PDB file of N, CA and C in Angstrom:
ATOM      1  N   MET A   1      11.909 -13.264  10.361  1.00  0.00           N
ATOM      2  CA  MET A   1      11.128 -12.800   9.453  1.00  0.00           C
ATOM      3  C   MET A   1       9.706 -12.973   9.517  1.00  0.00           C
ATOM      4  N   ILE A   2       9.111 -11.431   9.263  1.00  0.00           N
ATOM      5  CA  ILE A   2       7.436 -11.696   9.339  1.00  0.00           C
ATOM      6  C   ILE A   2       7.197 -11.699   7.952  1.00  0.00           C
ATOM      7  N   LYS A   3       6.360 -12.638   7.485  1.00  0.00           N
ATOM      8  CA  LYS A   3       5.585 -12.180   6.067  1.00  0.00           C
ATOM      9  C   LYS A   3       4.245 -11.887   6.293  1.00  0.00           C
ATOM     10  N   ALA A   4       3.963 -10.695   5.591  1.00  0.00           N
ATOM     11  CA  ALA A   4       2.445  -9.811   5.703  1.00  0.00           C
ATOM     12  C   ALA A   4       2.131  -9.814   4.537  1.00  0.00           C
ATOM     13  N   LEU A   5       0.607  -9.609   4.316  1.00  0.00           N
ATOM     14  CA  LEU A   5       0.321  -9.322   2.845  1.00  0.00           C
ATOM     15  C   LEU A   5      -0.199  -7.711   3.466  1.00  0.00           C
ATOM     16  N   VAL A   6       0.029  -7.035   2.728  1.00  0.00           N
ATOM     17  CA  VAL A   6      -0.477  -5.558   2.844  1.00  0.00           C
ATOM     18  C   VAL A   6      -1.134  -4.915   1.635  1.00  0.00           C
ATOM     19  N   VAL A   7      -2.117  -4.709   2.022  1.00  0.00           N
ATOM     20  CA  VAL A   7      -3.094  -3.795   1.297  1.00  0.00           C
ATOM     21  C   VAL A   7      -3.324  -2.254   1.374  1.00  0.00           C
ATOM     22  N   TYR A   8      -3.125  -1.677   0.381  1.00  0.00           N
ATOM     23  CA  TYR A   8      -2.931  -0.142   0.502  1.00  0.00           C
ATOM     24  C   TYR A   8      -3.579   0.608  -0.746  1.00  0.00           C
ATOM     25  N   LYS A   9      -3.565   1.852  -0.710  1.00  0.00           N
ATOM     26  CA  LYS A   9      -4.330   2.640  -1.812  1.00  0.00           C
ATOM     27  C   LYS A   9      -3.599   3.499  -2.093  1.00  0.00           C
ATOM     28  N   GLU A  10      -3.303   3.838  -3.661  1.00  0.00           N
ATOM     29  CA  GLU A  10      -2.403   4.422  -4.142  1.00  0.00           C
ATOM     30  C   GLU A  10      -2.833   5.595  -5.217  1.00  0.00           C
ATOM     31  N   LEU A  11      -2.573   6.840  -4.993  1.00  0.00           N
ATOM     32  CA  LEU A  11      -3.389   7.785  -6.005  1.00  0.00           C
ATOM     33  C   LEU A  11      -2.651   7.709  -7.406  1.00  0.00           C
ATOM     34  N   VAL A  12      -3.524   7.806  -8.270  1.00  0.00           N
ATOM     35  CA  VAL A  12      -3.036   7.758  -9.766  1.00  0.00           C
ATOM     36  C   VAL A  12      -3.477   9.087 -10.480  1.00  0.00           C
ATOM     37  N   ASP A  13      -2.175   9.919 -11.242  1.00  0.00           N
ATOM     38  CA  ASP A  13      -2.473  10.935 -11.432  1.00  0.00           C
ATOM     39  C   ASP A  13      -3.403  10.662 -13.055  1.00  0.00           C
ATOM     40  N   GLY A  14      -4.172  11.807 -13.401  1.00  0.00           N
ATOM     41  CA  GLY A  14      -5.033  11.587 -14.269  1.00  0.00           C
ATOM     42  C   GLY A  14      -4.309  11.706 -15.572  1.00  0.00           C
ATOM     43  N   GLY A  15      -3.118  12.324 -15.700  1.00  0.00           N
ATOM     44  CA  GLY A  15      -2.348  12.820 -17.014  1.00  0.00           C
ATOM     45  C   GLY A  15      -2.842  13.809 -17.482  1.00  0.00           C
ATOM     46  N   HIS A  16      -3.776  14.537 -17.058  1.00  0.00           N
ATOM     47  CA  HIS A  16      -3.914  15.882 -18.013  1.00  0.00           C
ATOM     48  C   HIS A  16      -4.618  16.620 -16.932  1.00  0.00           C
ATOM     49  N   PRO A  17      -4.717  17.924 -16.857  1.00  0.00           N
ATOM     50  CA  PRO A  17      -4.999  18.960 -15.899  1.00  0.00           C
ATOM     51  C   PRO A  17      -6.574  18.705 -15.749  1.00  0.00           C
ATOM     52  N   LEU A  18      -7.434  18.407 -16.700  1.00  0.00           N
ATOM     53  CA  LEU A  18      -8.650  18.321 -16.860  1.00  0.00           C
ATOM     54  C   LEU A  18      -9.444  17.213 -16.635  1.00  0.00           C
ATOM     55  N   LEU A  19      -8.138  16.012 -16.451  1.00  0.00           N
ATOM     56  CA  LEU A  19      -9.146  14.672 -15.827  1.00  0.00           C
ATOM     57  C   LEU A  19      -8.599  14.609 -14.381  1.00  0.00           C
ATOM     58  N   ASP A  20      -9.752  13.871 -13.733  1.00  0.00           N
ATOM     59  CA  ASP A  20      -9.521  13.745 -12.296  1.00  0.00           C
ATOM     60  C   ASP A  20      -8.345  12.700 -11.750  1.00  0.00           C
ATOM     61  N   ASP A  21      -7.945  12.896 -10.787  1.00  0.00           N
ATOM     62  CA  ASP A  21      -6.915  11.733 -10.084  1.00  0.00           C
ATOM     63  C   ASP A  21      -7.748  10.590  -9.756  1.00  0.00           C
ATOM     64  N   TYR A  22      -7.379   9.582  -9.454  1.00  0.00           N
ATOM     65  CA  TYR A  22      -8.331   8.554  -8.874  1.00  0.00           C
ATOM     66  C   TYR A  22      -7.364   7.448  -7.888  1.00  0.00           C
ATOM     67  N   TRP A  23      -8.032   7.008  -7.132  1.00  0.00           N
ATOM     68  CA  TRP A  23      -7.524   5.986  -6.188  1.00  0.00           C
ATOM     69  C   TRP A  23      -7.329   4.644  -6.690  1.00  0.00           C
ATOM     70  N   VAL A  24      -6.350   3.989  -6.372  1.00  0.00           N
ATOM     71  CA  VAL A  24      -6.216   2.429  -7.048  1.00  0.00           C
ATOM     72  C   VAL A  24      -5.869   1.634  -5.798  1.00  0.00           C
ATOM     73  N   GLU A  25      -6.575   0.675  -5.638  1.00  0.00           N
ATOM     74  CA  GLU A  25      -6.355  -0.490  -4.518  1.00  0.00           C
ATOM     75  C   GLU A  25      -5.186  -1.368  -4.848  1.00  0.00           C
ATOM     76  N   LYS A  26      -3.865  -1.466  -4.334  1.00  0.00           N
ATOM     77  CA  LYS A  26      -2.911  -2.287  -4.335  1.00  0.00           C
ATOM     78  C   LYS A  26      -2.622  -3.402  -3.394  1.00  0.00           C
ATOM     79  N   SER A  27      -2.132  -4.431  -3.479  1.00  0.00           N
ATOM     80  CA  SER A  27      -1.394  -5.243  -2.383  1.00  0.00           C
ATOM     81  C   SER A  27      -0.036  -5.984  -2.851  1.00  0.00           C
ATOM     82  N   LYS A  28       0.548  -6.373  -1.760  1.00  0.00           N
ATOM     83  CA  LYS A  28       1.861  -6.917  -1.892  1.00  0.00           C
ATOM     84  C   LYS A  28       2.145  -7.650  -0.581  1.00  0.00           C
ATOM     85  N   ILE A  29       3.351  -8.665  -0.793  1.00  0.00           N
ATOM     86  CA  ILE A  29       3.628  -9.636   0.077  1.00  0.00           C
ATOM     87  C   ILE A  29       4.885  -9.101   0.474  1.00  0.00           C
ATOM     88  N   VAL A  30       5.258  -8.678   2.036  1.00  0.00           N
ATOM     89  CA  VAL A  30       6.312  -8.111   2.328  1.00  0.00           C
ATOM     90  C   VAL A  30       7.179  -8.857   3.385  1.00  0.00           C
ATOM     91  N   GLU A  31       8.333  -8.959   3.502  1.00  0.00           N
ATOM     92  CA  GLU A  31       9.111  -9.578   4.402  1.00  0.00           C
ATOM     93  C   GLU A  31       9.854  -8.379   5.377  1.00  0.00           C
ATOM     94  N   VAL A  32       9.359  -8.623   6.847  1.00  0.00           N
ATOM     95  CA  VAL A  32       9.794  -7.555   7.626  1.00  0.00           C
ATOM     96  C   VAL A  32      10.535  -8.264   8.941  1.00  0.00           C
ATOM     97  N   GLU A  33      11.327  -7.800   9.626  1.00  0.00           N
ATOM     98  CA  GLU A  33      12.001  -7.940  10.667  1.00  0.00           C
ATOM     99  C   GLU A  33      10.648  -7.915  12.155  1.00  0.00           C
ATOM    100  N   LYS A  34      10.338  -6.378  12.135  1.00  0.00           N
ATOM    101  CA  LYS A  34       9.436  -5.990  13.128  1.00  0.00           C
ATOM    102  C   LYS A  34       8.000  -5.775  12.384  1.00  0.00           C
ATOM    103  N   GLU A  35       6.955  -5.793  13.027  1.00  0.00           N
ATOM    104  CA  GLU A  35       5.510  -5.313  12.633  1.00  0.00           C
ATOM    105  C   GLU A  35       5.616  -4.149  12.527  1.00  0.00           C
ATOM    106  N   THR A  36       6.565  -3.212  13.177  1.00  0.00           N
ATOM    107  CA  THR A  36       6.406  -1.660  12.841  1.00  0.00           C
ATOM    108  C   THR A  36       6.931  -1.304  11.437  1.00  0.00           C
ATOM    109  N   ASP A  37       7.782  -2.074  11.040  1.00  0.00           N
ATOM    110  CA  ASP A  37       8.506  -1.833   9.647  1.00  0.00           C
ATOM    111  C   ASP A  37       7.440  -1.720   8.631  1.00  0.00           C
ATOM    112  N   ILE A  38       6.120  -2.333   8.801  1.00  0.00           N
ATOM    113  CA  ILE A  38       5.309  -2.442   7.785  1.00  0.00           C
ATOM    114  C   ILE A  38       4.982  -1.191   7.318  1.00  0.00           C
ATOM    115  N   ASN A  39       4.813  -0.167   8.383  1.00  0.00           N
ATOM    116  CA  ASN A  39       4.288   1.089   8.092  1.00  0.00           C
ATOM    117  C   ASN A  39       5.270   1.895   7.112  1.00  0.00           C
ATOM    118  N   LYS A  40       6.518   1.479   6.707  1.00  0.00           N
ATOM    119  CA  LYS A  40       7.406   1.785   5.693  1.00  0.00           C
ATOM    120  C   LYS A  40       6.943   1.521   4.306  1.00  0.00           C
ATOM    121  N   VAL A  41       5.996   0.462   4.180  1.00  0.00           N
ATOM    122  CA  VAL A  41       5.307   0.182   2.710  1.00  0.00           C
ATOM    123  C   VAL A  41       4.683   1.445   2.107  1.00  0.00           C
ATOM    124  N   SER A  42       3.591   1.849   2.852  1.00  0.00           N
ATOM    125  CA  SER A  42       2.912   3.081   2.104  1.00  0.00           C
ATOM    126  C   SER A  42       2.302   3.774   3.163  1.00  0.00           C
ATOM    127  N   ASN A  43       1.882   5.084   3.013  1.00  0.00           N
ATOM    128  CA  ASN A  43       1.201   5.707   3.750  1.00  0.00           C
ATOM    129  C   ASN A  43      -0.486   5.669   4.158  1.00  0.00           C
ATOM    130  N   HIS A  44      -0.812   4.913   3.238  1.00  0.00           N
ATOM    131  CA  HIS A  44      -2.502   4.754   2.841  1.00  0.00           C
ATOM    132  C   HIS A  44      -2.700   3.200   3.051  1.00  0.00           C
ATOM    133  N   ILE A  45      -2.398   2.706   4.343  1.00  0.00           N
ATOM    134  CA  ILE A  45      -2.225   1.186   4.391  1.00  0.00           C
ATOM    135  C   ILE A  45      -3.830   0.948   4.631  1.00  0.00           C
ATOM    136  N   ILE A  46      -4.675   0.058   4.003  1.00  0.00           N
ATOM    137  CA  ILE A  46      -5.880   0.054   4.366  1.00  0.00           C
ATOM    138  C   ILE A  46      -6.097  -1.305   5.236  1.00  0.00           C
ATOM    139  N   ASN A  47      -5.374  -2.697   5.137  1.00  0.00           N
ATOM    140  CA  ASN A  47      -5.574  -3.656   5.477  1.00  0.00           C
ATOM    141  C   ASN A  47      -4.168  -4.581   5.730  1.00  0.00           C
ATOM    142  N   ILE A  48      -3.824  -5.047   6.875  1.00  0.00           N
ATOM    143  CA  ILE A  48      -2.537  -6.017   7.019  1.00  0.00           C
ATOM    144  C   ILE A  48      -3.305  -7.381   7.380  1.00  0.00           C
ATOM    145  N   LYS A  49      -2.458  -8.342   7.001  1.00  0.00           N
ATOM    146  CA  LYS A  49      -2.795  -9.666   7.204  1.00  0.00           C
ATOM    147  C   LYS A  49      -1.468 -10.382   7.304  1.00  0.00           C
ATOM    148  N   ILE A  50      -1.195 -11.169   8.634  1.00  0.00           N
ATOM    149  CA  ILE A  50       0.240 -11.699   8.725  1.00  0.00           C
ATOM    150  C   ILE A  50       0.053 -13.016   8.151  1.00  0.00           C
ATOM    151  N   LEU A  51       1.032 -13.577   7.656  1.00  0.00           N
ATOM    152  CA  LEU A  51       0.758 -14.729   7.099  1.00  0.00           C
ATOM    153  C   LEU A  51       1.866 -15.974   7.868  1.00  0.00           C
TER     154      LEU A  51
END
């Protein structure tokens, strides 16, 4: 198992048609079998650090 810290961005809905949507940067630690499985965490990955 490989542990990795994944930093990604997520689009947050403004909640009203007159409010703009905005991007939030989030991170989480994931355990995967192969390095390529990290791609399934999010579509907008910014940074990956193997722990």
